Amino acid sequence: MSDFRSDYVDEAELGTVLSEDFFFEGEMSTEEPLLIKGKLKGTLKSNSVVYIEESAEVEAEVEASRVVLRGRVKGQVSARKKVELLDRAELEGNIATPDLMIQSGCRFSGCCTMPGRVASGGNGNG
């Protein structure tokens, strides 16, 4: 069995980091990568990657290009490219993504739907 490597980001490289003492309730959207270390409740939509750190507690519908989870999420997680559940991650909710990675040591309670990628060109061969 090969070692798993994730391209988890260094928070110093990100423009938006929601710290451990941060709490947000409502609808949030972002175009840039986002690291959540605090608490979020509601809806989060991103056109980029969302990192959810070990200290995070998220009770929300999360929709992003990619979701990398180390913390706790209760709610639907949708990613256009990939969802990664890293060790000690806890997800109670459904996942919709074309690519899913679940690392040993995490907890997932829900269903996963893996839609295929939409072919371009209209003939179904592209």
N, C-alpha and C. Protein backbone atom coordinates (compact mmCIF):
# COMPACT_ATOMS: atom_id res chain seq x y z
N MET A 1 0.84 -1.17 0.00
CA MET A 1 0.00 0.00 0.00
C MET A 1 0.89 1.24 0.00
N SER A 2 0.62 2.18 -0.87
CA SER A 2 1.44 3.38 -0.97
C SER A 2 1.03 4.41 0.07
N ASP A 3 1.96 5.29 0.44
CA ASP A 3 1.68 6.37 1.37
C ASP A 3 0.80 7.39 0.69
N PHE A 4 -0.13 7.94 1.46
CA PHE A 4 -1.02 8.97 0.94
C PHE A 4 -0.36 10.32 1.09
N ARG A 5 -0.45 11.15 0.07
CA ARG A 5 0.04 12.52 0.14
C ARG A 5 -1.05 13.45 -0.36
N SER A 6 -1.37 14.44 0.44
CA SER A 6 -2.34 15.44 0.04
C SER A 6 -1.59 16.74 -0.18
N ASP A 7 -2.07 17.56 -1.09
CA ASP A 7 -1.42 18.84 -1.32
C ASP A 7 -2.08 19.91 -0.44
N TYR A 8 -2.17 19.58 0.86
CA TYR A 8 -2.77 20.51 1.82
C TYR A 8 -1.94 21.78 1.86
N VAL A 9 -2.60 22.91 1.94
CA VAL A 9 -1.96 24.20 1.79
C VAL A 9 -1.47 24.76 3.12
N ASP A 10 -0.43 25.55 3.05
CA ASP A 10 0.07 26.32 4.19
C ASP A 10 -0.79 27.58 4.30
N GLU A 11 -1.35 27.85 5.49
CA GLU A 11 -2.25 28.99 5.62
C GLU A 11 -1.59 30.32 5.31
N ALA A 12 -0.27 30.40 5.39
CA ALA A 12 0.43 31.64 5.05
C ALA A 12 0.30 31.95 3.56
N GLU A 13 -0.03 30.95 2.75
CA GLU A 13 -0.18 31.14 1.31
C GLU A 13 -1.58 31.61 0.91
N LEU A 14 -2.51 31.62 1.88
CA LEU A 14 -3.89 31.97 1.58
C LEU A 14 -4.20 33.40 1.97
N GLY A 15 -5.09 34.03 1.22
CA GLY A 15 -5.52 35.38 1.55
C GLY A 15 -6.64 35.41 2.57
N THR A 16 -7.43 34.31 2.67
CA THR A 16 -8.56 34.29 3.58
C THR A 16 -8.48 33.08 4.51
N VAL A 17 -8.34 33.38 5.81
CA VAL A 17 -8.30 32.36 6.84
C VAL A 17 -9.29 32.78 7.92
N LEU A 18 -10.26 31.92 8.21
CA LEU A 18 -11.22 32.19 9.28
C LEU A 18 -10.69 31.50 10.54
N SER A 19 -10.19 32.29 11.50
CA SER A 19 -9.47 31.77 12.66
C SER A 19 -10.35 30.97 13.61
N GLU A 20 -9.71 30.34 14.61
CA GLU A 20 -10.39 29.48 15.57
C GLU A 20 -11.49 30.21 16.33
N ASP A 21 -11.32 31.50 16.60
CA ASP A 21 -12.32 32.25 17.37
C ASP A 21 -13.38 32.89 16.48
N PHE A 22 -13.38 32.57 15.20
CA PHE A 22 -14.33 33.13 14.25
C PHE A 22 -15.62 32.32 14.27
N PHE A 23 -16.78 33.02 14.27
CA PHE A 23 -18.08 32.37 14.13
C PHE A 23 -18.88 33.16 13.11
N PHE A 24 -19.43 32.44 12.12
CA PHE A 24 -20.26 33.08 11.10
C PHE A 24 -21.52 32.26 10.92
N GLU A 25 -22.66 32.96 10.83
CA GLU A 25 -23.93 32.30 10.54
C GLU A 25 -24.60 33.04 9.40
N GLY A 26 -24.95 32.32 8.34
CA GLY A 26 -25.60 32.93 7.18
C GLY A 26 -25.07 32.33 5.89
N GLU A 27 -25.11 33.14 4.84
CA GLU A 27 -24.64 32.71 3.53
C GLU A 27 -23.30 33.40 3.22
N MET A 28 -22.33 32.60 2.82
CA MET A 28 -21.00 33.12 2.49
C MET A 28 -20.61 32.62 1.11
N SER A 29 -19.99 33.50 0.31
CA SER A 29 -19.47 33.07 -0.98
C SER A 29 -18.10 33.68 -1.18
N THR A 30 -17.26 32.97 -1.93
CA THR A 30 -15.90 33.42 -2.17
C THR A 30 -15.41 32.93 -3.53
N GLU A 31 -14.52 33.69 -4.11
CA GLU A 31 -13.90 33.32 -5.38
C GLU A 31 -12.49 32.75 -5.16
N GLU A 32 -11.93 32.99 -3.98
CA GLU A 32 -10.55 32.61 -3.67
C GLU A 32 -10.51 31.40 -2.72
N PRO A 33 -9.37 30.72 -2.62
CA PRO A 33 -9.23 29.63 -1.65
C PRO A 33 -9.53 30.13 -0.24
N LEU A 34 -10.11 29.26 0.59
CA LEU A 34 -10.55 29.62 1.92
C LEU A 34 -10.15 28.53 2.89
N LEU A 35 -9.62 28.93 4.06
CA LEU A 35 -9.28 28.01 5.14
C LEU A 35 -10.17 28.35 6.33
N ILE A 36 -10.93 27.35 6.80
CA ILE A 36 -11.81 27.55 7.95
C ILE A 36 -11.22 26.83 9.15
N LYS A 37 -11.02 27.59 10.23
CA LYS A 37 -10.52 27.03 11.48
C LYS A 37 -11.55 27.20 12.60
N GLY A 38 -12.54 28.07 12.38
CA GLY A 38 -13.55 28.38 13.39
C GLY A 38 -14.87 27.70 13.11
N LYS A 39 -15.97 28.40 13.45
CA LYS A 39 -17.31 27.83 13.31
C LYS A 39 -18.09 28.56 12.22
N LEU A 40 -18.78 27.77 11.41
CA LEU A 40 -19.57 28.29 10.31
C LEU A 40 -20.89 27.55 10.27
N LYS A 41 -21.98 28.32 10.15
CA LYS A 41 -23.31 27.72 10.09
C LYS A 41 -24.08 28.40 8.97
N GLY A 42 -24.66 27.62 8.07
CA GLY A 42 -25.44 28.20 6.98
C GLY A 42 -25.11 27.60 5.64
N THR A 43 -24.64 28.45 4.72
CA THR A 43 -24.32 28.05 3.35
C THR A 43 -22.99 28.66 2.94
N LEU A 44 -22.13 27.86 2.35
CA LEU A 44 -20.85 28.34 1.84
C LEU A 44 -20.72 27.91 0.39
N LYS A 45 -20.49 28.89 -0.50
CA LYS A 45 -20.28 28.62 -1.92
C LYS A 45 -18.94 29.23 -2.33
N SER A 46 -18.13 28.43 -3.02
CA SER A 46 -16.82 28.89 -3.44
C SER A 46 -16.53 28.41 -4.86
N ASN A 47 -15.89 29.25 -5.63
CA ASN A 47 -15.43 28.86 -6.96
C ASN A 47 -14.00 28.34 -6.92
N SER A 48 -13.50 28.10 -5.70
CA SER A 48 -12.14 27.64 -5.52
C SER A 48 -12.15 26.48 -4.52
N VAL A 49 -11.02 26.28 -3.85
CA VAL A 49 -10.89 25.20 -2.87
C VAL A 49 -11.25 25.71 -1.48
N VAL A 50 -11.91 24.85 -0.70
CA VAL A 50 -12.23 25.14 0.69
C VAL A 50 -11.52 24.11 1.55
N TYR A 51 -10.69 24.60 2.48
CA TYR A 51 -9.98 23.76 3.44
C TYR A 51 -10.69 23.90 4.78
N ILE A 52 -11.05 22.79 5.40
CA ILE A 52 -11.71 22.82 6.70
C ILE A 52 -10.77 22.13 7.69
N GLU A 53 -10.18 22.92 8.56
CA GLU A 53 -9.13 22.49 9.48
C GLU A 53 -9.70 21.67 10.64
N GLU A 54 -8.83 20.96 11.37
CA GLU A 54 -9.22 20.11 12.50
C GLU A 54 -10.04 20.85 13.55
N SER A 55 -9.73 22.10 13.82
CA SER A 55 -10.43 22.87 14.84
C SER A 55 -11.80 23.37 14.39
N ALA A 56 -12.11 23.24 13.12
CA ALA A 56 -13.34 23.80 12.56
C ALA A 56 -14.57 22.95 12.90
N GLU A 57 -15.68 23.66 13.05
CA GLU A 57 -16.99 23.04 13.21
C GLU A 57 -17.92 23.72 12.23
N VAL A 58 -18.33 22.96 11.22
CA VAL A 58 -19.15 23.51 10.14
C VAL A 58 -20.49 22.78 10.11
N GLU A 59 -21.56 23.56 10.21
CA GLU A 59 -22.90 23.02 10.05
C GLU A 59 -23.51 23.79 8.89
N ALA A 60 -23.27 23.28 7.69
CA ALA A 60 -23.62 24.06 6.51
C ALA A 60 -23.68 23.19 5.27
N GLU A 61 -24.28 23.76 4.24
CA GLU A 61 -24.20 23.21 2.90
C GLU A 61 -22.95 23.84 2.29
N VAL A 62 -22.01 23.00 1.89
CA VAL A 62 -20.74 23.48 1.33
C VAL A 62 -20.68 23.08 -0.14
N GLU A 63 -20.46 24.08 -1.00
CA GLU A 63 -20.34 23.85 -2.43
C GLU A 63 -19.08 24.56 -2.90
N ALA A 64 -18.16 23.81 -3.53
CA ALA A 64 -16.89 24.39 -3.96
C ALA A 64 -16.34 23.62 -5.14
N SER A 65 -15.25 24.12 -5.67
CA SER A 65 -14.55 23.40 -6.72
C SER A 65 -13.92 22.14 -6.12
N ARG A 66 -13.31 22.31 -4.94
CA ARG A 66 -12.67 21.20 -4.23
C ARG A 66 -12.84 21.43 -2.73
N VAL A 67 -13.08 20.38 -1.97
CA VAL A 67 -13.22 20.48 -0.51
C VAL A 67 -12.22 19.51 0.12
N VAL A 68 -11.38 20.04 1.02
CA VAL A 68 -10.41 19.25 1.76
C VAL A 68 -10.79 19.35 3.23
N LEU A 69 -11.17 18.23 3.83
CA LEU A 69 -11.74 18.23 5.16
C LEU A 69 -10.85 17.51 6.16
N ARG A 70 -10.51 18.24 7.25
CA ARG A 70 -9.83 17.66 8.41
C ARG A 70 -10.67 17.82 9.67
N GLY A 71 -11.65 18.73 9.65
CA GLY A 71 -12.47 19.03 10.82
C GLY A 71 -13.80 18.33 10.77
N ARG A 72 -14.81 18.97 11.40
CA ARG A 72 -16.14 18.39 11.48
C ARG A 72 -17.12 19.17 10.62
N VAL A 73 -17.89 18.43 9.83
CA VAL A 73 -18.93 19.03 8.99
C VAL A 73 -20.21 18.24 9.17
N LYS A 74 -21.30 18.98 9.36
CA LYS A 74 -22.63 18.39 9.36
C LYS A 74 -23.40 19.10 8.28
N GLY A 75 -23.68 18.38 7.18
CA GLY A 75 -24.38 18.98 6.04
C GLY A 75 -23.90 18.42 4.72
N GLN A 76 -24.57 18.84 3.67
CA GLN A 76 -24.26 18.43 2.30
C GLN A 76 -22.94 19.04 1.85
N VAL A 77 -22.07 18.22 1.23
CA VAL A 77 -20.81 18.70 0.66
C VAL A 77 -20.81 18.37 -0.82
N SER A 78 -20.69 19.40 -1.66
CA SER A 78 -20.66 19.23 -3.11
C SER A 78 -19.38 19.85 -3.66
N ALA A 79 -18.69 19.11 -4.50
CA ALA A 79 -17.47 19.63 -5.12
C ALA A 79 -17.47 19.30 -6.60
N ARG A 80 -17.15 20.27 -7.43
CA ARG A 80 -17.12 20.05 -8.87
C ARG A 80 -15.95 19.18 -9.30
N LYS A 81 -14.84 19.20 -8.52
CA LYS A 81 -13.67 18.42 -8.89
C LYS A 81 -13.39 17.26 -7.94
N LYS A 82 -13.30 17.54 -6.60
CA LYS A 82 -12.87 16.49 -5.68
C LYS A 82 -13.22 16.83 -4.25
N VAL A 83 -13.53 15.79 -3.46
CA VAL A 83 -13.67 15.90 -2.01
C VAL A 83 -12.62 14.99 -1.39
N GLU A 84 -11.87 15.52 -0.41
CA GLU A 84 -10.86 14.75 0.31
C GLU A 84 -11.21 14.74 1.79
N LEU A 85 -11.38 13.55 2.36
CA LEU A 85 -11.60 13.40 3.79
C LEU A 85 -10.30 12.87 4.39
N LEU A 86 -9.60 13.73 5.12
CA LEU A 86 -8.32 13.36 5.70
C LEU A 86 -8.51 12.77 7.09
N ASP A 87 -7.48 12.09 7.60
CA ASP A 87 -7.60 11.42 8.90
C ASP A 87 -8.14 12.37 9.97
N ARG A 88 -9.00 11.86 10.80
CA ARG A 88 -9.70 12.57 11.89
C ARG A 88 -10.82 13.48 11.40
N ALA A 89 -11.06 13.55 10.11
CA ALA A 89 -12.21 14.32 9.60
C ALA A 89 -13.49 13.61 10.01
N GLU A 90 -14.55 14.38 10.24
CA GLU A 90 -15.86 13.83 10.55
C GLU A 90 -16.88 14.52 9.66
N LEU A 91 -17.58 13.73 8.87
CA LEU A 91 -18.62 14.26 7.99
C LEU A 91 -19.91 13.51 8.21
N GLU A 92 -20.94 14.25 8.62
CA GLU A 92 -22.28 13.71 8.77
C GLU A 92 -23.14 14.41 7.73
N GLY A 93 -23.32 13.77 6.60
CA GLY A 93 -24.07 14.36 5.50
C GLY A 93 -23.69 13.70 4.20
N ASN A 94 -24.33 14.12 3.15
CA ASN A 94 -24.12 13.52 1.84
C ASN A 94 -23.04 14.26 1.07
N ILE A 95 -22.42 13.53 0.16
CA ILE A 95 -21.36 14.07 -0.70
C ILE A 95 -21.80 13.91 -2.15
N ALA A 96 -21.54 14.94 -2.96
CA ALA A 96 -21.72 14.86 -4.41
C ALA A 96 -20.45 15.37 -5.05
N THR A 97 -19.73 14.50 -5.75
CA THR A 97 -18.46 14.86 -6.38
C THR A 97 -18.07 13.79 -7.40
N PRO A 98 -17.34 14.17 -8.45
CA PRO A 98 -16.88 13.15 -9.40
C PRO A 98 -15.65 12.38 -8.91
N ASP A 99 -14.99 12.88 -7.84
CA ASP A 99 -13.76 12.26 -7.35
C ASP A 99 -13.74 12.35 -5.83
N LEU A 100 -13.62 11.21 -5.14
CA LEU A 100 -13.66 11.16 -3.68
C LEU A 100 -12.46 10.40 -3.15
N MET A 101 -11.81 10.98 -2.13
CA MET A 101 -10.70 10.33 -1.45
C MET A 101 -11.03 10.29 0.03
N ILE A 102 -11.03 9.10 0.62
CA ILE A 102 -11.28 8.94 2.05
C ILE A 102 -10.07 8.28 2.67
N GLN A 103 -9.41 9.00 3.56
CA GLN A 103 -8.22 8.50 4.22
C GLN A 103 -8.60 7.71 5.46
N SER A 104 -7.84 6.70 5.80
CA SER A 104 -8.05 5.91 7.00
C SER A 104 -8.05 6.82 8.23
N GLY A 105 -8.98 6.57 9.15
CA GLY A 105 -9.03 7.34 10.38
C GLY A 105 -10.13 8.39 10.41
N CYS A 106 -10.79 8.63 9.29
CA CYS A 106 -11.87 9.62 9.29
C CYS A 106 -13.20 8.91 9.50
N ARG A 107 -14.25 9.72 9.74
CA ARG A 107 -15.59 9.17 9.93
C ARG A 107 -16.53 9.83 8.93
N PHE A 108 -17.29 9.01 8.20
CA PHE A 108 -18.24 9.51 7.22
C PHE A 108 -19.56 8.77 7.40
N SER A 109 -20.62 9.54 7.62
CA SER A 109 -21.95 8.97 7.77
C SER A 109 -22.86 9.69 6.78
N GLY A 110 -23.22 9.01 5.71
CA GLY A 110 -24.05 9.61 4.68
C GLY A 110 -23.95 8.83 3.39
N CYS A 111 -24.43 9.43 2.34
CA CYS A 111 -24.39 8.81 1.01
C CYS A 111 -23.49 9.64 0.10
N CYS A 112 -22.95 8.98 -0.90
CA CYS A 112 -22.10 9.67 -1.86
C CYS A 112 -22.63 9.42 -3.27
N THR A 113 -22.80 10.51 -4.00
CA THR A 113 -23.18 10.44 -5.41
C THR A 113 -21.99 10.93 -6.22
N MET A 114 -21.61 10.15 -7.22
CA MET A 114 -20.45 10.50 -8.03
C MET A 114 -20.87 10.66 -9.49
N PRO A 115 -21.39 11.85 -9.83
CA PRO A 115 -21.82 12.08 -11.21
C PRO A 115 -20.63 12.09 -12.15
N GLY A 116 -20.86 11.63 -13.37
CA GLY A 116 -19.80 11.66 -14.37
C GLY A 116 -19.60 13.07 -14.89
N ARG A 117 -18.49 13.27 -15.53
CA ARG A 117 -18.22 14.58 -16.11
C ARG A 117 -19.03 14.74 -17.39
N VAL A 118 -19.51 15.93 -17.61
CA VAL A 118 -20.32 16.23 -18.78
C VAL A 118 -19.41 16.33 -20.00
N ALA A 119 -19.73 15.59 -21.03
CA ALA A 119 -18.95 15.62 -22.26
C ALA A 119 -19.25 16.89 -23.04
N SER A 120 -18.22 17.46 -23.65
CA SER A 120 -18.42 18.66 -24.48
C SER A 120 -18.55 18.24 -25.93
N GLY A 121 -19.13 19.11 -26.72
CA GLY A 121 -19.24 18.85 -28.15
C GLY A 121 -20.58 18.28 -28.57
N GLY A 122 -21.40 17.84 -27.63
CA GLY A 122 -22.75 17.41 -27.94
C GLY A 122 -22.90 16.02 -28.52
N ASN A 123 -21.81 15.34 -28.93
CA ASN A 123 -21.95 14.03 -29.53
C ASN A 123 -21.71 12.90 -28.53
N GLY A 124 -21.36 13.24 -27.28
CA GLY A 124 -21.15 12.22 -26.28
C GLY A 124 -19.80 11.54 -26.37
N ASN A 125 -18.96 11.90 -27.34
CA ASN A 125 -17.66 11.28 -27.50
C ASN A 125 -16.51 12.14 -27.00
N GLY A 126 -16.82 13.31 -26.42
CA GLY A 126 -15.74 14.24 -26.08
C GLY A 126 -15.55 14.38 -24.67
